[in-house]
Amino acid sequence: MLTRVLFVLVLICVPLGAAQSHEAKIVSLGLADHPLDEAELTGGAEIAKPHYDTAGVAYVLADGLKPGDTLRLDLMNRGRSLMYNTREVEPGETKVLLQAGKASVPAGGWPEGDYTAKVEVSRDGETLLTKESEPVPFD
């Protein structure tokens, strides 16, 4: 009897666990002073923060995505989107690195204030998740 109960629990729990492993999640979200690659993000080293006289790049590494999911990443300042980038997940992809910003310094430097990276992941027109990074002053 106990064996049957355990077997039934395994049958119920395994599909739930498999379904949850395909849920979209944010692996890394933030701001950098240069464009990044996935190896740099997952390597464990500290990412250099931008300043008024460096490049300013918002980045997101998302996983658990499905084909057709859409990511939008905004570089935000004072609650306004200064720049953004969008990307639709292609067949065969589950992980996506998306970046938005400038790989060079804008003329006159960056405006004062705290900057954030804000990501929105949507599927079939519905927002799955929204997340915003901690503010970073471009001093």
Protein backbone atom coordinates (compact mmCIF):
# COMPACT_ATOMS: atom_id res chain seq x y z
CA MET A 1 0.00 0.00 0.00
CA LEU A 2 2.75 2.46 0.94
CA THR A 3 4.54 1.65 -2.30
CA ARG A 4 1.44 2.49 -4.33
CA VAL A 5 1.00 5.80 -2.50
CA LEU A 6 4.63 6.74 -3.14
CA PHE A 7 4.31 5.73 -6.79
CA VAL A 8 1.23 7.93 -7.20
CA LEU A 9 3.02 10.85 -5.52
CA VAL A 10 5.96 10.45 -7.89
CA LEU A 11 3.62 10.42 -10.89
CA ILE A 12 1.95 13.60 -9.67
CA CYS A 13 5.09 15.51 -8.62
CA VAL A 14 7.43 14.73 -11.52
CA PRO A 15 5.26 16.43 -14.18
CA LEU A 16 4.79 19.44 -11.88
CA GLY A 17 8.53 19.76 -11.43
CA ALA A 18 9.12 19.43 -15.16
CA ALA A 19 6.51 22.11 -15.88
CA GLN A 20 8.05 24.48 -13.34
CA SER A 21 11.52 24.08 -14.85
CA HIS A 22 10.21 25.72 -18.04
CA GLU A 23 8.98 28.86 -16.30
CA ALA A 24 10.68 32.07 -17.35
CA LYS A 25 13.16 33.44 -14.83
CA ILE A 26 15.69 36.24 -14.69
CA VAL A 27 19.21 34.91 -14.16
CA SER A 28 20.94 38.30 -14.16
CA LEU A 29 19.74 41.90 -14.49
CA GLY A 30 21.70 45.12 -14.10
CA LEU A 31 23.86 47.85 -15.59
CA ALA A 32 27.41 47.73 -16.92
CA ASP A 33 29.98 50.11 -18.38
CA HIS A 34 30.36 47.97 -21.52
CA PRO A 35 28.43 45.38 -23.57
CA LEU A 36 28.63 41.93 -21.96
CA ASP A 37 28.58 38.33 -23.10
CA GLU A 38 27.02 35.38 -21.29
CA ALA A 39 30.40 34.02 -20.13
CA GLU A 40 31.18 37.31 -18.37
CA LEU A 41 27.76 37.36 -16.69
CA THR A 42 27.94 33.79 -15.43
CA GLY A 43 31.67 33.79 -14.63
CA GLY A 44 31.22 35.20 -11.13
CA ALA A 45 33.37 38.32 -11.55
CA GLU A 46 31.96 41.67 -10.47
CA ILE A 47 30.51 43.66 -13.36
CA ALA A 48 31.89 47.22 -13.63
CA LYS A 49 29.15 49.82 -13.08
CA PRO A 50 28.73 52.74 -15.48
CA HIS A 51 29.64 56.36 -14.70
CA TYR A 52 28.79 59.66 -16.37
CA ASP A 53 31.87 59.33 -18.63
CA THR A 54 31.58 55.64 -19.63
CA ALA A 55 29.27 53.57 -21.75
CA GLY A 56 25.95 52.66 -20.11
CA VAL A 57 24.43 49.29 -20.92
CA ALA A 58 21.40 47.62 -19.32
CA TYR A 59 21.53 43.83 -19.52
CA VAL A 60 19.30 40.85 -18.77
CA LEU A 61 19.99 37.14 -18.98
CA ALA A 62 16.69 35.23 -18.93
CA ASP A 63 16.14 31.45 -18.91
CA GLY A 64 13.20 29.07 -19.09
CA LEU A 65 11.82 30.86 -22.13
CA LYS A 66 9.68 29.41 -24.90
CA PRO A 67 9.65 30.22 -28.62
CA GLY A 68 7.48 33.27 -29.20
CA ASP A 69 8.13 34.79 -25.76
CA THR A 70 9.02 38.47 -25.99
CA LEU A 71 11.55 40.32 -23.85
CA ARG A 72 11.66 44.09 -23.53
CA LEU A 73 14.60 45.69 -21.72
CA ASP A 74 14.62 49.39 -20.83
CA LEU A 75 17.44 51.61 -19.60
CA MET A 76 15.55 53.80 -17.13
CA ASN A 77 16.32 57.18 -15.54
CA ARG A 78 13.91 58.95 -13.19
CA GLY A 79 11.11 56.56 -14.14
CA ARG A 80 11.50 57.19 -17.88
CA SER A 81 12.79 54.83 -20.53
CA LEU A 82 15.81 56.40 -22.22
CA MET A 83 16.54 53.46 -24.53
CA TYR A 84 15.08 50.02 -25.00
CA ASN A 85 15.54 46.80 -26.93
CA THR A 86 13.07 44.00 -27.65
CA ARG A 87 13.57 40.43 -28.77
CA GLU A 88 11.35 37.48 -29.57
CA VAL A 89 12.64 34.06 -28.53
CA GLU A 90 13.41 31.84 -31.54
CA PRO A 91 12.69 28.09 -31.80
CA GLY A 92 15.41 26.11 -30.02
CA GLU A 93 16.25 28.93 -27.60
CA THR A 94 15.46 28.81 -23.89
CA LYS A 95 18.05 31.34 -22.67
CA VAL A 96 18.48 34.88 -24.03
CA LEU A 97 20.92 37.71 -23.31
CA LEU A 98 19.48 41.10 -24.22
CA GLN A 99 21.14 44.51 -23.84
CA ALA A 100 20.04 48.12 -24.28
CA GLY A 101 21.96 51.36 -23.98
CA LYS A 102 25.01 53.00 -25.50
CA ALA A 103 28.41 51.40 -26.01
CA SER A 104 29.91 54.90 -25.96
CA VAL A 105 29.48 58.07 -23.91
CA PRO A 106 26.67 60.39 -25.05
CA ALA A 107 27.76 63.90 -25.99
CA GLY A 108 28.07 65.82 -22.72
CA GLY A 109 27.92 62.66 -20.61
CA TRP A 110 24.93 60.94 -19.06
CA PRO A 111 22.21 63.02 -17.37
CA GLU A 112 22.37 63.02 -13.57
CA GLY A 113 20.30 60.58 -11.60
CA ASP A 114 19.93 56.95 -10.69
CA TYR A 115 19.58 54.47 -13.54
CA THR A 116 17.93 51.05 -13.57
CA ALA A 117 17.44 48.17 -15.97
CA LYS A 118 13.81 47.09 -16.30
CA VAL A 119 12.75 43.88 -18.05
CA GLU A 120 9.34 42.59 -19.06
CA VAL A 121 8.79 39.05 -20.32
CA SER A 122 5.53 38.33 -22.11
CA ARG A 123 3.94 35.25 -23.65
CA ASP A 124 0.89 35.27 -25.91
CA GLY A 125 0.29 38.95 -25.13
CA GLU A 126 0.27 38.41 -21.34
CA THR A 127 3.03 39.72 -19.07
CA LEU A 128 4.76 36.79 -17.33
CA LEU A 129 7.11 38.84 -15.20
CA THR A 130 8.52 42.30 -14.72
CA LYS A 131 11.65 43.09 -12.76
CA GLU A 132 13.76 46.19 -12.17
CA SER A 133 17.39 46.31 -11.03
CA GLU A 134 18.70 48.22 -8.06
CA PRO A 135 19.36 51.91 -8.87
CA VAL A 136 22.89 52.84 -9.95
CA PRO A 137 24.05 56.49 -9.87
CA PHE A 138 26.09 57.48 -12.93
CA ASP A 139 28.48 59.68 -10.93
